[in-house]
Amino acid sequence: MRPLLIVSEARHVGKISEVLQKYGHPAAVDRFVRRLEIDLQTESDIHDFQFEIMKVLHEKKPDGATNGYLICATHDAERYLMLRSFLKTQRVEFAFYSAHELCKSLSTEGQEKIQLAKLLGTCGLSVLTAASSILRPWTHASIDANTLGNWKGQFGRLGKYAWLADAILARTTLMTAPQLTDCLVDSPLKSADIAAFNRDGRGVSKSGDVIANQIGKRLQGLKILDSPADAIETMPKGRIVVVEDGLWSGTEVIGVFDSLLGRRKGREKTKPLANPDLLRSASLDLVYGVSTDYGMAMVKRYLQDEGLANISVQSRDTIALASEGLLSNIADPAFDIQALRSSGPVADAIKPHLFESLKACLTPEQCAEADRFLRDIGRQLWRNYLNEMKERKNWDMWSDEKLDNCALGMHGLGLTYAFGHSVPKATLPLLWGSGTVTWGGRTVDWIPLFQNA
């Protein structure tokens, strides 16, 4: 992605902001687009303004930048600031446009994109071009412009929903293994006596293996085991740190603890402890790269109910999704937590991550339509997934209540989050699910964006 500096008159600030919001990828625009505005109706020091441009050009380029700044400016700003001759001395690429060319359609029919939208694409900052770069590290299949176009095309075949595909892509984040490791190493890991992750029982390469490989390179003296039980039994009196990529609903780690305590006979998520009492005496830290406030609350409630005050849980970043009422209920020892653990919270107790960000760029009508579409398709994709698991692993089908609550992702969290090696089930099913779906009388054999997840 290439950095872009926009120099314009102050009176065009609003229109330029609209174009950036409509055509640009939010994360890319935030990192790679700089803006300088000048009010031509007041007296300004030209040399001071040129100095501000020089400061931008001489700053360290944003991480991931593939080239130096491209500068675009309106003609009036260029003439007033004498930018043409000045920028030639800086040996920087530049282009000048009238305000009409920069911010408005070049034809009355609107068939040709506005110039600023073209520049965003040229710099790799448009929704599709930036998403292609951001999601490229997905390790299980290629994600390129064709992949994005094909995934987006499914929305069009079910109705006029290309705008919704763009909105989702603009908010889909992928954390690479090195980025995740950066989040984890600055934690109790630095003072741990031993560390562990939980190797997936199916034997496939999952998050724990990836994390262990990265941490092993950074903290070479730290012993890392693939079983929490082995770590506890190897060093019962030492400081033990268990690492994982994300904590979303808490379901997974609660299952791990129940397995350690020997409560999941035949469906263990990890090797049980030979002596379950060791879990109550060990000095144990759970460390996550990213979490939700709901998942953190659910795990802390479990530890509280089990009397496991010796275990702490922390995360580098926490996404706020739960209502104050829900968090208060979870923390209340008198509140019956079992319904939450089995089916998840009711819809109005969780603010789905995607929709909180969509409110800023879509109308209330569009948000309502997006909610109906994503819930309906997500529910069908979950049913497809569960039917496959029933055939492969003899899983039970969920109740209608749980399917409804999880239509936007596990427990309704509505995430648009992935790691380079995996996608949490709390992420929108349209990003990881597959199979036949129907909407408005139209049917599509849905192919996920993150294939082989």
Protein backbone atom coordinates (compact mmCIF):
# COMPACT_ATOMS: atom_id res chain seq x y z
CA MET A 1 0.00 0.00 0.00
CA ARG A 2 1.26 3.44 -0.93
CA PRO A 3 0.88 6.52 1.33
CA LEU A 4 -1.26 9.34 -0.06
CA LEU A 5 -1.12 13.02 0.90
CA ILE A 6 -4.16 15.11 -0.07
CA VAL A 7 -3.74 18.90 -0.21
CA SER A 8 -7.00 20.76 -0.64
CA GLU A 9 -8.98 23.86 0.19
CA ALA A 10 -10.77 23.86 3.52
CA ARG A 11 -14.17 24.19 1.84
CA HIS A 12 -13.76 20.75 0.25
CA VAL A 13 -12.99 18.90 3.49
CA GLY A 14 -16.48 17.44 3.83
CA LYS A 15 -16.68 16.13 0.28
CA ILE A 16 -13.22 14.56 0.44
CA SER A 17 -14.18 12.87 3.72
CA GLU A 18 -17.28 11.41 2.04
CA VAL A 19 -15.20 10.00 -0.81
CA LEU A 20 -12.65 8.47 1.57
CA GLN A 21 -15.42 6.89 3.62
CA LYS A 22 -17.26 5.52 0.59
CA TYR A 23 -14.34 4.14 -1.42
CA GLY A 24 -11.46 3.72 1.02
CA HIS A 25 -10.67 0.84 3.34
CA PRO A 26 -11.03 2.37 6.86
CA ALA A 27 -7.89 0.80 8.32
CA ALA A 28 -5.83 1.63 5.22
CA VAL A 29 -7.08 5.20 5.07
CA ASP A 30 -6.32 5.66 8.75
CA ARG A 31 -2.74 4.44 8.33
CA PHE A 32 -1.78 5.66 4.88
CA VAL A 33 -3.74 8.83 4.08
CA ARG A 34 -2.60 12.23 5.34
CA ARG A 35 -4.51 15.43 4.70
CA LEU A 36 -3.56 19.11 4.71
CA GLU A 37 -6.15 21.83 4.15
CA ILE A 38 -5.75 25.55 3.54
CA ASP A 39 -8.36 28.29 3.75
CA LEU A 40 -7.86 30.47 0.68
CA GLN A 41 -10.13 33.14 2.13
CA THR A 42 -7.61 33.96 4.84
CA GLU A 43 -3.96 34.99 4.65
CA SER A 44 -1.55 32.08 5.09
CA ASP A 45 2.22 31.79 5.14
CA ILE A 46 3.08 29.78 2.03
CA HIS A 47 6.48 28.73 3.36
CA ASP A 48 4.98 27.45 6.62
CA PHE A 49 2.57 25.30 4.64
CA GLN A 50 5.33 23.98 2.40
CA PHE A 51 7.27 23.13 5.54
CA GLU A 52 4.28 21.08 6.79
CA ILE A 53 4.38 19.11 3.53
CA MET A 54 8.12 18.52 3.94
CA LYS A 55 7.53 17.21 7.47
CA VAL A 56 5.07 14.63 6.16
CA LEU A 57 7.43 13.57 3.36
CA HIS A 58 10.39 13.17 5.70
CA GLU A 59 8.54 11.26 8.41
CA LYS A 60 9.05 7.53 8.68
CA LYS A 61 6.74 5.84 6.20
CA PRO A 62 3.86 3.84 7.71
CA ASP A 63 4.67 0.18 8.31
CA GLY A 64 3.85 -1.79 5.19
CA ALA A 65 4.27 1.14 2.81
CA THR A 66 5.51 -0.02 -0.60
CA ASN A 67 6.61 3.39 -1.89
CA GLY A 68 6.95 7.04 -0.98
CA TYR A 69 4.04 9.44 -0.77
CA LEU A 70 1.90 10.25 -3.77
CA ILE A 71 0.61 13.81 -3.45
CA CYS A 72 -2.62 15.02 -4.97
CA ALA A 73 -3.94 18.54 -4.69
CA THR A 74 -6.69 20.74 -6.04
CA HIS A 75 -5.62 23.26 -8.69
CA ASP A 76 -6.52 26.26 -6.54
CA ALA A 77 -4.42 25.00 -3.64
CA GLU A 78 -1.56 24.23 -6.00
CA ARG A 79 -1.56 27.71 -7.51
CA TYR A 80 -1.79 29.49 -4.18
CA LEU A 81 1.00 27.42 -2.60
CA MET A 82 3.16 27.21 -5.77
CA LEU A 83 3.26 23.47 -5.25
CA ARG A 84 4.33 22.44 -8.74
CA SER A 85 7.78 24.00 -8.55
CA PHE A 86 8.14 23.18 -4.85
CA LEU A 87 7.31 19.49 -5.22
CA LYS A 88 9.70 19.09 -8.13
CA THR A 89 12.50 20.12 -5.78
CA GLN A 90 11.36 17.39 -3.38
CA ARG A 91 11.48 14.76 -6.14
CA VAL A 92 8.08 13.42 -5.19
CA GLU A 93 5.30 12.21 -7.46
CA PHE A 94 2.28 14.50 -7.59
CA ALA A 95 -0.96 15.14 -9.48
CA PHE A 96 -3.32 18.12 -9.56
CA TYR A 97 -7.07 18.16 -10.13
CA SER A 98 -9.89 20.59 -9.99
CA ALA A 99 -12.12 20.11 -6.96
CA HIS A 100 -14.83 18.87 -9.34
CA GLU A 101 -12.50 16.22 -10.80
CA LEU A 102 -11.19 15.14 -7.42
CA CYS A 103 -14.49 14.77 -5.60
CA LYS A 104 -17.23 14.37 -8.17
CA SER A 105 -18.10 12.04 -11.01
CA LEU A 106 -16.54 12.93 -14.35
CA SER A 107 -19.77 12.23 -16.22
CA THR A 108 -23.35 13.21 -15.50
CA GLU A 109 -24.37 9.54 -15.61
CA GLY A 110 -21.76 8.70 -12.97
CA GLN A 111 -20.27 5.89 -15.06
CA GLU A 112 -16.67 6.88 -14.36
CA LYS A 113 -15.20 6.89 -10.88
CA ILE A 114 -14.10 10.12 -9.29
CA GLN A 115 -10.36 10.75 -9.36
CA LEU A 116 -9.83 10.38 -5.64
CA ALA A 117 -11.48 6.95 -5.77
CA LYS A 118 -9.11 6.01 -8.61
CA LEU A 119 -6.13 7.22 -6.59
CA LEU A 120 -7.20 5.10 -3.62
CA GLY A 121 -7.22 2.06 -5.89
CA THR A 122 -3.87 2.98 -7.43
CA CYS A 123 -2.33 3.28 -3.97
CA GLY A 124 -3.90 0.00 -2.80
CA LEU A 125 -6.13 1.81 -0.32
CA SER A 126 -9.58 1.03 -1.75
CA VAL A 127 -11.73 -1.58 -0.03
CA LEU A 128 -10.86 -4.41 -2.42
CA THR A 129 -7.18 -3.59 -2.97
CA ALA A 130 -6.47 -3.02 0.71
CA ALA A 131 -8.45 -6.09 1.79
CA SER A 132 -6.41 -8.14 -0.66
CA SER A 133 -3.21 -7.02 1.09
CA ILE A 134 -4.57 -7.33 4.63
CA LEU A 135 -6.00 -10.83 4.13
CA ARG A 136 -3.20 -12.23 1.95
CA PRO A 137 -1.39 -13.89 4.92
CA TRP A 138 -4.21 -16.45 5.26
CA THR A 139 -2.20 -19.67 5.19
CA HIS A 140 -4.79 -22.26 4.08
CA ALA A 141 -5.74 -20.85 0.68
CA SER A 142 -5.00 -17.92 -1.61
CA ILE A 143 -6.87 -14.68 -0.97
CA ASP A 144 -6.39 -12.25 -3.84
CA ALA A 145 -8.50 -9.84 -5.88
CA ASN A 146 -10.20 -12.74 -7.68
CA THR A 147 -11.05 -14.45 -4.38
CA LEU A 148 -12.53 -11.25 -3.01
CA GLY A 149 -14.48 -10.63 -6.20
CA ASN A 150 -15.91 -14.15 -6.22
CA TRP A 151 -16.91 -13.94 -2.57
CA LYS A 152 -18.50 -10.54 -3.10
CA GLY A 153 -20.34 -11.82 -6.19
CA GLN A 154 -22.34 -14.25 -4.02
CA PHE A 155 -24.01 -11.27 -2.33
CA GLY A 156 -25.08 -10.01 -5.74
CA ARG A 157 -26.53 -13.36 -6.74
CA LEU A 158 -28.75 -13.36 -3.64
CA GLY A 159 -29.91 -9.77 -4.21
CA LYS A 160 -28.47 -6.27 -4.44
CA TYR A 161 -26.06 -6.68 -1.54
CA ALA A 162 -22.66 -5.76 -2.99
CA TRP A 163 -22.62 -2.78 -0.62
CA LEU A 164 -22.86 -5.15 2.33
CA ALA A 165 -19.98 -7.29 1.07
CA ASP A 166 -17.84 -4.14 0.81
CA ALA A 167 -18.85 -3.08 4.32
CA ILE A 168 -17.81 -6.47 5.73
CA LEU A 169 -14.52 -6.57 3.81
CA ALA A 170 -13.67 -3.07 5.01
CA ARG A 171 -13.94 -4.31 8.60
CA THR A 172 -12.37 -7.76 8.33
CA THR A 173 -9.08 -7.98 10.20
CA LEU A 174 -6.39 -10.64 10.03
CA MET A 175 -3.66 -10.87 12.66
CA THR A 176 -0.50 -12.59 11.45
CA ALA A 177 1.51 -14.94 13.63
CA PRO A 178 4.30 -12.36 14.24
CA GLN A 179 1.71 -9.73 15.21
CA LEU A 180 0.05 -12.17 17.59
CA THR A 181 3.40 -13.03 19.12
CA ASP A 182 4.08 -9.34 19.70
CA CYS A 183 0.88 -9.27 21.78
CA LEU A 184 1.82 -12.33 23.80
CA VAL A 185 5.51 -12.00 24.62
CA ASP A 186 5.12 -8.79 26.62
CA SER A 187 3.23 -10.59 29.37
CA PRO A 188 3.86 -13.05 32.24
CA LEU A 189 5.59 -15.21 29.62
CA LYS A 190 8.79 -13.28 30.32
CA SER A 191 8.84 -14.50 33.91
CA ALA A 192 7.29 -17.94 33.37
CA ASP A 193 9.02 -21.11 34.52
CA ILE A 194 7.22 -23.13 31.88
CA ALA A 195 4.61 -22.42 29.19
CA ALA A 196 1.97 -24.48 27.45
CA PHE A 197 -0.59 -24.42 24.71
CA ASN A 198 -3.37 -26.88 23.99
CA ARG A 199 -2.69 -28.97 20.88
CA ASP A 200 -5.85 -29.63 18.91
CA GLY A 201 -6.99 -33.21 19.52
CA ARG A 202 -7.64 -33.78 15.80
CA GLY A 203 -3.93 -33.49 15.08
CA VAL A 204 -4.30 -30.63 12.60
CA SER A 205 -2.09 -27.57 12.64
CA LYS A 206 -3.97 -25.06 14.74
CA SER A 207 -3.29 -21.91 16.72
CA GLY A 208 -1.30 -23.50 19.54
CA ASP A 209 1.36 -24.96 17.26
CA VAL A 210 1.75 -21.68 15.40
CA ILE A 211 1.99 -19.66 18.61
CA ALA A 212 4.48 -22.07 20.20
CA ASN A 213 6.72 -21.89 17.15
CA GLN A 214 6.78 -18.09 17.23
CA ILE A 215 7.26 -17.79 20.99
CA GLY A 216 10.02 -20.40 20.91
CA LYS A 217 11.98 -18.17 18.54
CA ARG A 218 11.52 -15.08 20.72
CA LEU A 219 12.01 -16.66 24.17
CA GLN A 220 14.48 -19.43 23.38
CA GLY A 221 15.11 -20.43 27.00
CA LEU A 222 11.45 -21.06 27.75
CA LYS A 223 10.19 -24.64 27.66
CA ILE A 224 6.82 -24.86 25.87
CA LEU A 225 4.68 -27.99 26.13
CA ASP A 226 1.62 -28.89 24.06
CA SER A 227 -0.49 -29.91 27.06
CA PRO A 228 -1.50 -27.76 30.07
CA ALA A 229 -1.70 -30.94 32.15
CA ASP A 230 1.90 -31.86 31.29
CA ALA A 231 3.09 -28.35 32.21
CA ILE A 232 1.30 -28.43 35.56
CA GLU A 233 2.55 -31.92 36.38
CA THR A 234 6.11 -31.07 35.27
CA MET A 235 6.35 -27.93 37.40
CA PRO A 236 3.48 -27.89 39.95
CA LYS A 237 5.22 -25.25 42.10
CA GLY A 238 6.43 -23.03 39.28
CA ARG A 239 4.81 -20.16 37.39
CA ILE A 240 2.92 -21.66 34.45
CA VAL A 241 1.63 -19.61 31.51
CA VAL A 242 -0.89 -21.03 29.05
CA VAL A 243 -1.12 -19.06 25.79
CA GLU A 244 -3.84 -18.86 23.16
CA ASP A 245 -4.70 -16.52 20.30
CA GLY A 246 -8.19 -15.30 21.21
CA LEU A 247 -10.79 -15.52 23.97
CA TRP A 248 -14.23 -14.95 22.49
CA SER A 249 -17.17 -16.57 24.29
CA GLY A 250 -15.17 -18.52 26.88
CA THR A 251 -16.68 -21.84 25.72
CA GLU A 252 -13.38 -23.34 24.57
CA VAL A 253 -11.28 -22.60 27.65
CA ILE A 254 -14.07 -23.64 30.04
CA GLY A 255 -14.14 -26.95 28.17
CA VAL A 256 -10.36 -27.22 28.63
CA PHE A 257 -10.68 -26.66 32.39
CA ASP A 258 -13.49 -29.20 32.67
CA SER A 259 -11.27 -31.64 30.76
CA LEU A 260 -8.33 -31.02 33.10
CA LEU A 261 -10.65 -31.78 36.00
CA GLY A 262 -11.75 -35.05 34.37
CA ARG A 263 -15.36 -34.01 33.71
CA ARG A 264 -15.52 -34.62 29.94
CA LYS A 265 -15.01 -38.35 29.63
CA GLY A 266 -14.91 -39.31 25.96
CA ARG A 267 -15.07 -35.72 24.75
CA GLU A 268 -11.97 -34.19 26.30
CA LYS A 269 -10.61 -30.97 24.86
CA THR A 270 -7.24 -31.67 26.46
CA LYS A 271 -5.44 -34.33 28.47
CA PRO A 272 -6.91 -34.56 32.02
CA LEU A 273 -4.73 -34.17 35.09
CA ALA A 274 -3.86 -37.38 36.91
CA ASN A 275 -4.47 -35.42 40.12
CA PRO A 276 -7.14 -32.73 39.51
CA ASP A 277 -6.26 -31.02 42.80
CA LEU A 278 -3.05 -29.75 41.15
CA LEU A 279 -5.19 -27.30 39.16
CA ARG A 280 -6.25 -25.66 42.43
CA SER A 281 -2.73 -25.17 43.73
CA ALA A 282 -0.77 -24.29 40.59
CA SER A 283 0.28 -20.71 39.84
CA LEU A 284 -1.35 -20.40 36.42
CA ASP A 285 -1.76 -17.45 34.04
CA LEU A 286 -3.94 -17.58 30.91
CA VAL A 287 -2.64 -15.13 28.31
CA TYR A 288 -4.50 -14.13 25.13
CA GLY A 289 -3.63 -11.86 22.25
CA VAL A 290 -7.15 -10.50 21.97
CA SER A 291 -10.45 -11.10 23.76
CA THR A 292 -14.00 -9.87 24.22
CA ASP A 293 -15.30 -8.47 27.48
CA TYR A 294 -18.04 -11.10 27.39
CA GLY A 295 -15.57 -13.99 27.07
CA MET A 296 -13.36 -12.58 29.83
CA ALA A 297 -16.37 -12.24 32.13
CA MET A 298 -17.54 -15.80 31.44
CA VAL A 299 -14.12 -17.29 32.21
CA LYS A 300 -13.67 -15.22 35.36
CA ARG A 301 -17.11 -16.34 36.54
CA TYR A 302 -16.14 -19.98 35.95
CA LEU A 303 -12.92 -19.54 37.94
CA GLN A 304 -14.90 -17.87 40.70
CA ASP A 305 -17.48 -20.68 40.83
CA GLU A 306 -14.75 -23.33 40.90
CA GLY A 307 -12.72 -21.59 43.59
CA LEU A 308 -9.74 -21.24 41.25
CA ALA A 309 -8.44 -17.93 42.59
CA ASN A 310 -4.93 -19.14 41.79
CA ILE A 311 -5.61 -18.73 38.06
CA SER A 312 -5.49 -15.34 36.34
CA VAL A 313 -6.66 -14.42 32.85
CA GLN A 314 -5.46 -11.48 30.81
CA SER A 315 -5.46 -10.18 27.26
CA ARG A 316 -3.46 -7.60 25.34
CA ASP A 317 -6.59 -6.13 23.73
CA THR A 318 -10.24 -6.49 24.73
CA ILE A 319 -13.22 -5.79 22.47
CA ALA A 320 -16.22 -4.32 24.30
CA LEU A 321 -19.45 -6.04 23.18
CA ALA A 322 -21.50 -6.89 26.27
CA SER A 323 -24.07 -4.61 27.90
CA GLU A 324 -23.44 -3.42 31.44
CA GLY A 325 -26.45 -5.46 32.56
CA LEU A 326 -25.04 -8.66 31.07
CA LEU A 327 -21.60 -8.14 32.64
CA SER A 328 -23.25 -7.39 35.99
CA ASN A 329 -25.32 -10.59 35.79
CA ILE A 330 -22.31 -12.74 34.88
CA ALA A 331 -20.34 -11.37 37.85
CA ASP A 332 -23.23 -12.03 40.28
CA PRO A 333 -22.71 -15.42 42.02
CA ALA A 334 -26.49 -15.73 42.44
CA PHE A 335 -27.12 -15.47 38.69
CA ASP A 336 -27.77 -18.84 36.97
CA ILE A 337 -24.98 -18.99 34.39
CA GLN A 338 -25.88 -22.31 32.75
CA ALA A 339 -28.28 -20.88 30.16
CA LEU A 340 -25.58 -18.48 28.96
CA ARG A 341 -23.05 -21.30 28.69
CA SER A 342 -25.38 -23.51 26.68
CA SER A 343 -27.14 -21.05 24.35
CA GLY A 344 -25.48 -17.68 24.77
CA PRO A 345 -26.99 -14.30 25.69
CA VAL A 346 -30.17 -12.85 24.24
CA ALA A 347 -29.69 -10.57 21.25
CA ASP A 348 -30.10 -7.22 23.01
CA ALA A 349 -27.46 -8.09 25.64
CA ILE A 350 -24.66 -8.18 23.04
CA LYS A 351 -23.64 -5.45 20.59
CA PRO A 352 -22.41 -7.45 17.54
CA HIS A 353 -18.99 -6.11 16.63
CA LEU A 354 -19.74 -5.57 12.94
CA PHE A 355 -22.92 -3.58 13.48
CA GLU A 356 -21.38 -1.18 15.95
CA SER A 357 -18.96 -0.04 13.23
CA LEU A 358 -21.59 -0.11 10.46
CA LYS A 359 -23.74 2.44 12.28
CA ALA A 360 -21.25 5.16 11.35
CA CYS A 361 -21.44 4.56 7.58
CA LEU A 362 -24.86 3.01 6.84
CA THR A 363 -28.38 4.30 7.25
CA PRO A 364 -30.61 2.72 9.94
CA GLU A 365 -32.57 1.08 7.11
CA GLN A 366 -29.41 -0.45 5.64
CA CYS A 367 -28.30 -1.68 9.08
CA ALA A 368 -31.67 -3.34 9.61
CA GLU A 369 -31.53 -5.01 6.19
CA ALA A 370 -27.94 -6.15 6.81
CA ASP A 371 -29.00 -7.63 10.15
CA ARG A 372 -31.84 -9.63 8.57
CA PHE A 373 -29.68 -10.90 5.72
CA LEU A 374 -26.67 -11.87 7.82
CA ARG A 375 -28.72 -13.60 10.50
CA ASP A 376 -30.71 -15.62 7.98
CA ILE A 377 -27.70 -16.71 5.91
CA GLY A 378 -25.56 -17.23 9.03
CA ARG A 379 -28.15 -19.51 10.56
CA GLN A 380 -28.22 -21.64 7.41
CA LEU A 381 -24.42 -21.84 7.30
CA TRP A 382 -24.29 -22.94 10.96
CA ARG A 383 -26.83 -25.67 10.20
CA ASN A 384 -24.68 -26.81 7.26
CA TYR A 385 -21.62 -26.94 9.51
CA LEU A 386 -23.41 -28.85 12.27
CA ASN A 387 -24.83 -31.37 9.80
CA GLU A 388 -21.30 -32.00 8.54
CA MET A 389 -20.03 -32.43 12.12
CA LYS A 390 -22.92 -34.79 12.85
CA GLU A 391 -21.78 -37.05 10.01
CA ARG A 392 -18.08 -36.80 10.84
CA LYS A 393 -18.16 -36.74 14.65
CA ASN A 394 -21.71 -37.60 15.64
CA TRP A 395 -22.44 -34.09 16.94
CA ASP A 396 -25.97 -33.18 18.01
CA MET A 397 -27.93 -30.50 16.18
CA TRP A 398 -28.39 -27.32 18.18
CA SER A 399 -31.74 -26.06 19.41
CA ASP A 400 -33.49 -23.36 17.39
CA GLU A 401 -32.76 -20.91 20.20
CA LYS A 402 -29.01 -21.52 20.04
CA LEU A 403 -28.98 -21.36 16.23
CA ASP A 404 -30.71 -17.98 16.42
CA ASN A 405 -28.31 -16.70 19.07
CA CYS A 406 -25.26 -17.79 17.06
CA ALA A 407 -26.42 -16.68 13.59
CA LEU A 408 -23.90 -13.80 13.64
CA GLY A 409 -21.14 -15.97 15.08
CA MET A 410 -20.81 -17.92 18.33
CA HIS A 411 -23.00 -16.34 21.02
CA GLY A 412 -23.95 -13.53 18.60
CA LEU A 413 -20.62 -11.72 18.85
CA GLY A 414 -20.60 -10.75 15.16
CA LEU A 415 -16.82 -10.57 14.81
CA THR A 416 -14.99 -9.96 11.55
CA TYR A 417 -11.72 -11.31 12.91
CA ALA A 418 -9.25 -13.92 11.73
CA PHE A 419 -5.73 -15.07 12.39
CA GLY A 420 -3.36 -16.20 9.68
CA HIS A 421 -3.94 -19.81 10.77
CA SER A 422 -7.56 -19.93 11.94
CA VAL A 423 -10.93 -18.19 12.11
CA PRO A 424 -12.87 -18.14 15.41
CA LYS A 425 -16.44 -19.42 15.27
CA ALA A 426 -17.45 -16.11 16.86
CA THR A 427 -16.71 -14.52 13.48
CA LEU A 428 -19.53 -14.09 10.95
CA PRO A 429 -20.36 -17.49 9.40
CA LEU A 430 -20.37 -15.86 5.94
CA LEU A 431 -16.59 -15.56 6.28
CA TRP A 432 -15.87 -19.20 7.21
CA GLY A 433 -19.04 -21.25 6.54
CA SER A 434 -20.04 -23.07 3.36
CA GLY A 435 -22.88 -24.94 1.69
CA THR A 436 -26.25 -24.20 0.15
CA VAL A 437 -28.08 -21.08 1.31
CA THR A 438 -31.30 -19.45 0.11
CA TRP A 439 -32.55 -15.88 0.29
CA GLY A 440 -35.52 -14.29 -1.42
CA GLY A 441 -36.11 -17.37 -3.58
CA ARG A 442 -32.48 -17.39 -4.82
CA THR A 443 -30.02 -20.16 -3.96
CA VAL A 444 -26.21 -20.10 -3.82
CA ASP A 445 -23.69 -22.79 -2.95
CA TRP A 446 -21.81 -20.51 -0.56
CA ILE A 447 -18.00 -20.51 -0.68
CA PRO A 448 -16.31 -18.85 2.31
CA LEU A 449 -13.75 -16.08 2.05
CA PHE A 450 -11.45 -17.98 4.43
CA GLN A 451 -11.43 -21.32 2.66
CA ASN A 452 -10.33 -24.46 4.51
CA ALA A 453 -10.86 -22.73 7.85
